[in-house]
Amino acid sequence: MASESTFDVVSKVDKQEVANAMNQAQKELAQRYDFKGVGAEVDFSGETILMKANSEERVLAVLDVLQSKLIKRGISLKSLEAGEPFASGKEYRIEASIKEGIAQDVAKKINKLIRDEGPKGVKSQIQGDELRVSSKSRDDLQATMALLKGFDEADLQFVNLR
C-alpha cells in the first residue's frame, strides 16, 4: 500500500536578506547626487520600514531604490506591503512592512484553487499560517506545485516534500 506524500506551502522571508537590502539602500541614498540635501533616508524599526524625503517624488524614488535592492537580494516584492506617501510636517513619508505567513483569506483562496483546478486526489488543509498539501501520487503534488507557482497574491515557497 502506497503511503501519502505531502508538502507544505509557506510564505517566509529571510530577515537577514531584508537587513542587507536596507543597508545597501541606505548606502546608495547617502552616495547618490540626486538624494543630496533632500533628507532622504530609510529606517527599520521592528516590523515597520519608514522612508522619508522632502517631496513626494523623492520619497517614491527612495521606495524604488529599496525595491531594487530587495529584488537583487532575491526577496519578492509580493512580500513588501508599502503604503501611500503622506505628509508629516515638512517631509513626506511612506510606511512599509514585510509580510510573512499566509493570511487566512489567501489560504482559503489557495485551498479553493487546489480543489477546483488541481489534480483529483490532492487534498489541502490550512495549518496556522501555512498549508499542507497531500496526495498518494508525487506527480500530482508536482502538478499542484506548478499550479501554485502561477498564484500571484502571495510569495509562496514549497518545503518538506515527503
N, C-alpha and C. Protein backbone atom coordinates (compact mmCIF):
# COMPACT_ATOMS: atom_id res chain seq x y z
N MET A 1 0.83 -1.18 0.00
CA MET A 1 0.00 0.00 0.00
C MET A 1 0.89 1.25 0.00
N ALA A 2 0.61 2.17 -0.91
CA ALA A 2 1.42 3.38 -1.02
C ALA A 2 0.99 4.39 0.05
N SER A 3 1.97 4.99 0.71
CA SER A 3 1.65 5.99 1.72
C SER A 3 1.47 7.35 1.05
N GLU A 4 0.88 8.27 1.78
CA GLU A 4 0.63 9.60 1.22
C GLU A 4 1.90 10.44 1.23
N SER A 5 2.09 11.19 0.17
CA SER A 5 3.18 12.16 0.11
C SER A 5 2.60 13.53 0.42
N THR A 6 3.40 14.39 1.04
CA THR A 6 2.92 15.72 1.39
C THR A 6 3.99 16.77 1.13
N PHE A 7 3.55 18.02 1.04
CA PHE A 7 4.46 19.17 1.10
C PHE A 7 3.72 20.32 1.75
N ASP A 8 4.48 21.29 2.26
CA ASP A 8 3.89 22.45 2.91
C ASP A 8 4.09 23.67 2.02
N VAL A 9 3.06 24.51 1.97
CA VAL A 9 3.13 25.78 1.26
C VAL A 9 3.29 26.86 2.33
N VAL A 10 4.38 27.62 2.27
CA VAL A 10 4.66 28.65 3.27
C VAL A 10 4.99 29.96 2.57
N SER A 11 4.99 31.03 3.34
CA SER A 11 5.42 32.33 2.84
C SER A 11 6.37 32.91 3.88
N LYS A 12 7.66 32.71 3.65
CA LYS A 12 8.67 33.17 4.61
C LYS A 12 9.65 34.11 3.90
N VAL A 13 10.22 35.02 4.68
CA VAL A 13 11.20 35.98 4.17
C VAL A 13 12.43 35.89 5.06
N ASP A 14 13.60 35.85 4.46
CA ASP A 14 14.86 35.82 5.21
C ASP A 14 15.13 37.23 5.76
N LYS A 15 15.02 37.37 7.09
CA LYS A 15 15.19 38.68 7.73
C LYS A 15 16.58 39.26 7.50
N GLN A 16 17.59 38.40 7.43
CA GLN A 16 18.95 38.88 7.22
C GLN A 16 19.09 39.50 5.83
N GLU A 17 18.44 38.90 4.84
CA GLU A 17 18.49 39.47 3.49
C GLU A 17 17.77 40.81 3.43
N VAL A 18 16.68 40.95 4.18
CA VAL A 18 15.97 42.24 4.25
C VAL A 18 16.89 43.29 4.88
N ALA A 19 17.58 42.92 5.96
CA ALA A 19 18.50 43.85 6.61
C ALA A 19 19.63 44.25 5.66
N ASN A 20 20.16 43.28 4.90
CA ASN A 20 21.22 43.59 3.93
C ASN A 20 20.71 44.54 2.85
N ALA A 21 19.49 44.31 2.35
CA ALA A 21 18.92 45.19 1.33
C ALA A 21 18.72 46.60 1.90
N MET A 22 18.29 46.69 3.14
CA MET A 22 18.11 48.01 3.79
C MET A 22 19.45 48.75 3.88
N ASN A 23 20.51 48.02 4.30
CA ASN A 23 21.83 48.65 4.41
C ASN A 23 22.32 49.12 3.05
N GLN A 24 22.11 48.31 2.01
CA GLN A 24 22.53 48.73 0.67
C GLN A 24 21.75 49.95 0.21
N ALA A 25 20.46 49.99 0.51
CA ALA A 25 19.64 51.15 0.12
C ALA A 25 20.12 52.40 0.85
N GLN A 26 20.44 52.27 2.14
CA GLN A 26 20.92 53.42 2.91
C GLN A 26 22.24 53.94 2.33
N LYS A 27 23.13 53.03 1.95
CA LYS A 27 24.41 53.44 1.36
C LYS A 27 24.20 54.16 0.04
N GLU A 28 23.30 53.62 -0.79
CA GLU A 28 23.05 54.26 -2.09
C GLU A 28 22.43 55.65 -1.90
N LEU A 29 21.51 55.79 -0.95
CA LEU A 29 20.90 57.10 -0.70
C LEU A 29 21.94 58.11 -0.22
N ALA A 30 22.91 57.65 0.56
CA ALA A 30 23.94 58.55 1.07
C ALA A 30 24.90 58.98 -0.04
N GLN A 31 25.10 58.14 -1.06
CA GLN A 31 26.10 58.41 -2.09
C GLN A 31 25.54 59.10 -3.33
N ARG A 32 24.27 58.87 -3.66
CA ARG A 32 23.75 59.40 -4.92
C ARG A 32 23.56 60.90 -4.87
N TYR A 33 23.95 61.55 -5.96
CA TYR A 33 23.91 63.01 -6.04
C TYR A 33 22.47 63.54 -5.99
N ASP A 34 21.52 62.85 -6.63
CA ASP A 34 20.15 63.34 -6.66
C ASP A 34 19.43 63.24 -5.31
N PHE A 35 20.06 62.57 -4.33
CA PHE A 35 19.48 62.49 -3.00
C PHE A 35 20.18 63.41 -2.00
N LYS A 36 21.17 64.19 -2.45
CA LYS A 36 21.87 65.11 -1.56
C LYS A 36 20.94 66.25 -1.15
N GLY A 37 20.85 66.50 0.14
CA GLY A 37 20.10 67.65 0.63
C GLY A 37 18.58 67.53 0.59
N VAL A 38 18.05 66.35 0.33
CA VAL A 38 16.58 66.20 0.31
C VAL A 38 16.08 65.43 1.53
N GLY A 39 16.98 65.10 2.45
CA GLY A 39 16.57 64.40 3.67
C GLY A 39 16.09 62.99 3.41
N ALA A 40 16.60 62.36 2.36
CA ALA A 40 16.17 61.00 2.02
C ALA A 40 16.82 60.00 2.95
N GLU A 41 15.98 59.16 3.57
CA GLU A 41 16.52 58.10 4.42
C GLU A 41 15.54 56.95 4.54
N VAL A 42 16.10 55.80 4.93
CA VAL A 42 15.32 54.58 5.15
C VAL A 42 15.64 54.10 6.56
N ASP A 43 14.60 53.91 7.38
CA ASP A 43 14.78 53.41 8.74
C ASP A 43 14.00 52.13 8.91
N PHE A 44 14.54 51.23 9.73
CA PHE A 44 13.88 49.95 10.01
C PHE A 44 13.70 49.86 11.51
N SER A 45 12.44 49.87 11.96
CA SER A 45 12.18 49.76 13.40
C SER A 45 11.15 48.67 13.63
N GLY A 46 11.59 47.59 14.23
CA GLY A 46 10.68 46.47 14.49
C GLY A 46 10.20 45.83 13.21
N GLU A 47 8.91 45.93 12.94
CA GLU A 47 8.33 45.34 11.73
C GLU A 47 8.10 46.38 10.64
N THR A 48 8.34 47.66 10.94
CA THR A 48 8.00 48.73 10.01
C THR A 48 9.24 49.33 9.36
N ILE A 49 9.16 49.54 8.06
CA ILE A 49 10.20 50.24 7.31
C ILE A 49 9.66 51.63 7.03
N LEU A 50 10.41 52.66 7.40
CA LEU A 50 9.97 54.04 7.23
C LEU A 50 10.90 54.75 6.26
N MET A 51 10.33 55.28 5.17
CA MET A 51 11.10 56.03 4.18
C MET A 51 10.70 57.50 4.26
N LYS A 52 11.71 58.39 4.24
CA LYS A 52 11.44 59.82 4.38
C LYS A 52 12.18 60.59 3.30
N ALA A 53 11.59 61.70 2.86
CA ALA A 53 12.24 62.65 1.96
C ALA A 53 11.43 63.95 2.00
N ASN A 54 11.96 65.02 1.36
CA ASN A 54 11.28 66.31 1.47
C ASN A 54 10.21 66.54 0.40
N SER A 55 10.04 65.62 -0.55
CA SER A 55 8.95 65.76 -1.52
C SER A 55 8.38 64.38 -1.84
N GLU A 56 7.18 64.39 -2.38
CA GLU A 56 6.51 63.12 -2.70
C GLU A 56 7.28 62.34 -3.75
N GLU A 57 7.82 63.03 -4.76
CA GLU A 57 8.58 62.36 -5.82
C GLU A 57 9.85 61.72 -5.25
N ARG A 58 10.53 62.42 -4.35
CA ARG A 58 11.77 61.90 -3.77
C ARG A 58 11.50 60.66 -2.91
N VAL A 59 10.41 60.68 -2.12
CA VAL A 59 10.13 59.54 -1.26
C VAL A 59 9.73 58.33 -2.12
N LEU A 60 9.08 58.56 -3.25
CA LEU A 60 8.77 57.45 -4.17
C LEU A 60 10.06 56.91 -4.79
N ALA A 61 11.04 57.79 -5.04
CA ALA A 61 12.34 57.35 -5.56
C ALA A 61 13.08 56.52 -4.50
N VAL A 62 12.94 56.88 -3.22
CA VAL A 62 13.54 56.10 -2.13
C VAL A 62 12.92 54.71 -2.11
N LEU A 63 11.59 54.63 -2.27
CA LEU A 63 10.90 53.34 -2.32
C LEU A 63 11.41 52.51 -3.49
N ASP A 64 11.64 53.15 -4.62
CA ASP A 64 12.14 52.45 -5.80
C ASP A 64 13.54 51.88 -5.55
N VAL A 65 14.39 52.64 -4.88
CA VAL A 65 15.74 52.16 -4.55
C VAL A 65 15.64 50.93 -3.64
N LEU A 66 14.78 51.02 -2.62
CA LEU A 66 14.62 49.89 -1.70
C LEU A 66 14.09 48.66 -2.44
N GLN A 67 13.12 48.85 -3.32
CA GLN A 67 12.57 47.71 -4.08
C GLN A 67 13.64 47.06 -4.95
N SER A 68 14.48 47.87 -5.59
CA SER A 68 15.53 47.30 -6.44
C SER A 68 16.53 46.50 -5.61
N LYS A 69 16.85 46.96 -4.41
CA LYS A 69 17.78 46.23 -3.54
C LYS A 69 17.16 44.92 -3.05
N LEU A 70 15.85 44.93 -2.74
CA LEU A 70 15.17 43.70 -2.33
C LEU A 70 15.18 42.67 -3.45
N ILE A 71 14.93 43.13 -4.68
CA ILE A 71 14.92 42.21 -5.82
C ILE A 71 16.31 41.60 -6.03
N LYS A 72 17.36 42.43 -5.93
CA LYS A 72 18.72 41.91 -6.08
C LYS A 72 19.06 40.87 -5.03
N ARG A 73 18.43 40.98 -3.85
CA ARG A 73 18.67 40.05 -2.75
C ARG A 73 17.76 38.82 -2.82
N GLY A 74 16.93 38.74 -3.86
CA GLY A 74 16.08 37.56 -4.03
C GLY A 74 14.81 37.57 -3.20
N ILE A 75 14.37 38.75 -2.77
CA ILE A 75 13.14 38.86 -1.99
C ILE A 75 12.04 39.37 -2.92
N SER A 76 10.94 38.64 -2.98
CA SER A 76 9.84 39.01 -3.85
C SER A 76 9.16 40.28 -3.35
N LEU A 77 8.74 41.14 -4.29
CA LEU A 77 8.05 42.36 -3.91
C LEU A 77 6.63 42.06 -3.42
N LYS A 78 6.16 40.82 -3.62
CA LYS A 78 4.85 40.44 -3.07
C LYS A 78 4.91 40.43 -1.54
N SER A 79 6.11 40.31 -0.99
CA SER A 79 6.28 40.29 0.47
C SER A 79 6.35 41.70 1.05
N LEU A 80 6.56 42.71 0.20
CA LEU A 80 6.65 44.10 0.67
C LEU A 80 5.29 44.76 0.53
N GLU A 81 4.78 45.26 1.64
CA GLU A 81 3.49 45.94 1.64
C GLU A 81 3.75 47.41 1.94
N ALA A 82 3.78 48.24 0.89
CA ALA A 82 4.09 49.66 1.06
C ALA A 82 2.81 50.48 0.96
N GLY A 83 2.70 51.48 1.85
CA GLY A 83 1.55 52.37 1.83
C GLY A 83 1.75 53.51 0.85
N GLU A 84 0.83 54.45 0.88
CA GLU A 84 0.91 55.64 0.03
C GLU A 84 1.73 56.72 0.74
N PRO A 85 2.37 57.61 -0.04
CA PRO A 85 3.12 58.71 0.59
C PRO A 85 2.16 59.63 1.34
N PHE A 86 2.58 60.09 2.52
CA PHE A 86 1.78 61.05 3.28
C PHE A 86 2.69 62.11 3.86
N ALA A 87 2.14 63.32 4.01
CA ALA A 87 2.91 64.44 4.53
C ALA A 87 2.96 64.36 6.04
N SER A 88 4.14 64.63 6.60
CA SER A 88 4.31 64.66 8.04
C SER A 88 5.22 65.84 8.35
N GLY A 89 4.61 66.94 8.71
CA GLY A 89 5.40 68.15 8.92
C GLY A 89 5.93 68.65 7.59
N LYS A 90 7.25 68.83 7.50
CA LYS A 90 7.85 69.33 6.26
C LYS A 90 8.33 68.22 5.35
N GLU A 91 8.13 66.96 5.76
CA GLU A 91 8.63 65.86 4.94
C GLU A 91 7.50 64.91 4.55
N TYR A 92 7.80 64.09 3.55
CA TYR A 92 6.86 63.06 3.12
C TYR A 92 7.39 61.71 3.57
N ARG A 93 6.47 60.82 3.93
CA ARG A 93 6.87 59.51 4.43
C ARG A 93 6.07 58.41 3.74
N ILE A 94 6.68 57.23 3.69
CA ILE A 94 5.99 56.00 3.27
C ILE A 94 6.32 54.95 4.32
N GLU A 95 5.28 54.31 4.83
CA GLU A 95 5.48 53.20 5.76
C GLU A 95 5.26 51.91 5.00
N ALA A 96 6.15 50.95 5.22
CA ALA A 96 6.06 49.65 4.56
C ALA A 96 6.32 48.57 5.59
N SER A 97 5.88 47.36 5.27
CA SER A 97 6.16 46.22 6.15
C SER A 97 6.42 44.99 5.30
N ILE A 98 7.08 44.03 5.90
CA ILE A 98 7.37 42.75 5.24
C ILE A 98 6.33 41.74 5.73
N LYS A 99 5.59 41.17 4.77
CA LYS A 99 4.56 40.18 5.13
C LYS A 99 5.18 38.80 5.21
N GLU A 100 4.85 38.09 6.29
CA GLU A 100 5.27 36.70 6.43
C GLU A 100 4.06 35.87 6.82
N GLY A 101 4.07 34.64 6.39
CA GLY A 101 2.93 33.77 6.68
C GLY A 101 1.83 33.99 5.66
N ILE A 102 0.95 33.02 5.55
CA ILE A 102 -0.15 33.11 4.61
C ILE A 102 -1.39 33.53 5.40
N ALA A 103 -1.99 34.66 5.03
CA ALA A 103 -3.20 35.13 5.70
C ALA A 103 -4.35 34.16 5.46
N GLN A 104 -5.32 34.14 6.37
CA GLN A 104 -6.43 33.19 6.28
C GLN A 104 -7.20 33.31 4.97
N ASP A 105 -7.51 34.54 4.54
CA ASP A 105 -8.28 34.69 3.31
C ASP A 105 -7.50 34.21 2.09
N VAL A 106 -6.18 34.46 2.07
CA VAL A 106 -5.34 33.99 0.96
C VAL A 106 -5.24 32.47 1.00
N ALA A 107 -5.11 31.89 2.21
CA ALA A 107 -5.04 30.43 2.35
C ALA A 107 -6.33 29.78 1.82
N LYS A 108 -7.47 30.41 2.09
CA LYS A 108 -8.74 29.87 1.59
C LYS A 108 -8.79 29.93 0.07
N LYS A 109 -8.25 31.01 -0.52
CA LYS A 109 -8.21 31.11 -1.99
C LYS A 109 -7.32 30.02 -2.58
N ILE A 110 -6.18 29.76 -1.94
CA ILE A 110 -5.27 28.71 -2.41
C ILE A 110 -5.97 27.35 -2.30
N ASN A 111 -6.64 27.11 -1.18
CA ASN A 111 -7.40 25.87 -0.98
C ASN A 111 -8.41 25.66 -2.10
N LYS A 112 -9.16 26.72 -2.41
CA LYS A 112 -10.20 26.65 -3.45
C LYS A 112 -9.55 26.39 -4.82
N LEU A 113 -8.43 27.05 -5.09
CA LEU A 113 -7.72 26.85 -6.35
C LEU A 113 -7.28 25.40 -6.50
N ILE A 114 -6.75 24.81 -5.44
CA ILE A 114 -6.31 23.41 -5.49
C ILE A 114 -7.50 22.49 -5.71
N ARG A 115 -8.61 22.76 -5.01
CA ARG A 115 -9.81 21.94 -5.16
C ARG A 115 -10.38 22.03 -6.57
N ASP A 116 -10.45 23.26 -7.12
CA ASP A 116 -11.10 23.47 -8.42
C ASP A 116 -10.23 23.06 -9.61
N GLU A 117 -8.93 23.43 -9.57
CA GLU A 117 -8.09 23.25 -10.75
C GLU A 117 -6.99 22.22 -10.57
N GLY A 118 -6.74 21.79 -9.35
CA GLY A 118 -5.68 20.83 -9.10
C GLY A 118 -6.09 19.43 -9.51
N PRO A 119 -5.12 18.51 -9.55
CA PRO A 119 -5.42 17.12 -9.88
C PRO A 119 -6.35 16.49 -8.84
N LYS A 120 -7.16 15.54 -9.30
CA LYS A 120 -8.06 14.83 -8.38
C LYS A 120 -7.22 14.03 -7.39
N GLY A 121 -7.71 13.88 -6.19
CA GLY A 121 -6.98 13.11 -5.19
C GLY A 121 -5.99 13.92 -4.39
N VAL A 122 -5.88 15.22 -4.69
CA VAL A 122 -5.00 16.09 -3.93
C VAL A 122 -5.84 16.80 -2.87
N LYS A 123 -5.39 16.71 -1.61
CA LYS A 123 -6.11 17.35 -0.51
C LYS A 123 -5.21 18.43 0.09
N SER A 124 -5.85 19.50 0.56
CA SER A 124 -5.08 20.55 1.23
C SER A 124 -5.82 20.99 2.48
N GLN A 125 -5.04 21.36 3.49
CA GLN A 125 -5.65 21.84 4.72
C GLN A 125 -4.80 22.97 5.29
N ILE A 126 -5.49 23.94 5.91
CA ILE A 126 -4.82 25.10 6.50
C ILE A 126 -4.32 24.72 7.88
N GLN A 127 -3.03 25.02 8.13
CA GLN A 127 -2.43 24.77 9.44
C GLN A 127 -1.75 26.05 9.91
N GLY A 128 -2.49 26.88 10.62
CA GLY A 128 -1.93 28.14 11.09
C GLY A 128 -1.69 29.08 9.92
N ASP A 129 -0.43 29.48 9.72
CA ASP A 129 -0.11 30.39 8.62
C ASP A 129 0.57 29.65 7.47
N GLU A 130 0.34 28.35 7.37
CA GLU A 130 0.83 27.58 6.23
C GLU A 130 -0.23 26.58 5.79
N LEU A 131 0.05 25.90 4.69
CA LEU A 131 -0.90 24.98 4.08
C LEU A 131 -0.22 23.64 3.87
N ARG A 132 -0.87 22.54 4.23
CA ARG A 132 -0.33 21.21 3.99
C ARG A 132 -1.10 20.60 2.83
N VAL A 133 -0.38 20.15 1.81
CA VAL A 133 -0.98 19.54 0.63
C VAL A 133 -0.56 18.08 0.60
N SER A 134 -1.52 17.15 0.42
CA SER A 134 -1.19 15.73 0.43
C SER A 134 -1.87 15.00 -0.72
N SER A 135 -1.22 13.91 -1.15
CA SER A 135 -1.75 13.08 -2.22
C SER A 135 -1.01 11.76 -2.20
N LYS A 136 -1.60 10.74 -2.81
CA LYS A 136 -0.91 9.45 -2.93
C LYS A 136 0.15 9.50 -4.02
N SER A 137 -0.04 10.39 -4.99
CA SER A 137 0.87 10.46 -6.14
C SER A 137 1.79 11.67 -6.04
N ARG A 138 3.10 11.43 -6.13
CA ARG A 138 4.05 12.54 -6.12
C ARG A 138 3.92 13.39 -7.39
N ASP A 139 3.53 12.76 -8.50
CA ASP A 139 3.34 13.51 -9.74
C ASP A 139 2.22 14.53 -9.58
N ASP A 140 1.14 14.14 -8.88
CA ASP A 140 0.05 15.08 -8.63
C ASP A 140 0.52 16.24 -7.77
N LEU A 141 1.38 15.95 -6.80
CA LEU A 141 1.91 17.03 -5.95
C LEU A 141 2.75 18.01 -6.77
N GLN A 142 3.55 17.47 -7.69
CA GLN A 142 4.37 18.35 -8.53
C GLN A 142 3.50 19.17 -9.47
N ALA A 143 2.41 18.59 -9.96
CA ALA A 143 1.47 19.35 -10.80
C ALA A 143 0.81 20.46 -9.98
N THR A 144 0.52 20.17 -8.71
CA THR A 144 -0.06 21.18 -7.83
C THR A 144 0.93 22.31 -7.57
N MET A 145 2.22 21.97 -7.39
CA MET A 145 3.25 23.00 -7.22
C MET A 145 3.30 23.90 -8.44
N ALA A 146 3.26 23.30 -9.63
CA ALA A 146 3.30 24.09 -10.86
C ALA A 146 2.08 25.01 -10.94
N LEU A 147 0.93 24.52 -10.50
CA LEU A 147 -0.29 25.33 -10.50
C LEU A 147 -0.13 26.52 -9.55
N LEU A 148 0.43 26.28 -8.37
CA LEU A 148 0.56 27.33 -7.35
C LEU A 148 1.65 28.35 -7.69
N LYS A 149 2.60 27.99 -8.55
CA LYS A 149 3.63 28.96 -8.96
C LYS A 149 3.01 30.13 -9.71
N GLY A 150 1.84 29.91 -10.33
CA GLY A 150 1.16 30.98 -11.03
C GLY A 150 0.30 31.84 -10.13
N PHE A 151 0.18 31.48 -8.84
CA PHE A 151 -0.64 32.24 -7.89
C PHE A 151 0.09 33.52 -7.54
N ASP A 152 -0.54 34.68 -7.75
CA ASP A 152 0.20 35.93 -7.62
C ASP A 152 -0.22 36.82 -6.45
N GLU A 153 -1.00 36.31 -5.50
CA GLU A 153 -1.40 37.15 -4.37
C GLU A 153 -0.42 37.09 -3.21
N ALA A 154 0.45 36.09 -3.21
CA ALA A 154 1.43 35.96 -2.12
C ALA A 154 2.69 35.31 -2.67
N ASP A 155 3.80 35.55 -1.97
CA ASP A 155 5.07 34.92 -2.32
C ASP A 155 5.09 33.55 -1.64
N LEU A 156 5.00 32.48 -2.43
CA LEU A 156 4.87 31.13 -1.88
C LEU A 156 6.16 30.32 -2.06
N GLN A 157 6.51 29.55 -1.03
CA GLN A 157 7.60 28.58 -1.14
C GLN A 157 7.05 27.22 -0.76
N PHE A 158 7.71 26.18 -1.27
CA PHE A 158 7.28 24.81 -1.01
C PHE A 158 8.37 24.12 -0.21
N VAL A 159 8.01 23.57 0.96
CA VAL A 159 9.00 22.91 1.83
C VAL A 159 8.47 21.56 2.26
N ASN A 160 9.38 20.73 2.82
CA ASN A 160 9.04 19.44 3.41
C ASN A 160 8.35 18.49 2.46
N LEU A 161 8.85 18.37 1.24
CA LEU A 161 8.28 17.39 0.31
C LEU A 161 8.69 16.00 0.79
N ARG A 162 7.71 15.21 1.17
CA ARG A 162 7.98 13.85 1.67
C ARG A 162 7.20 12.86 0.84
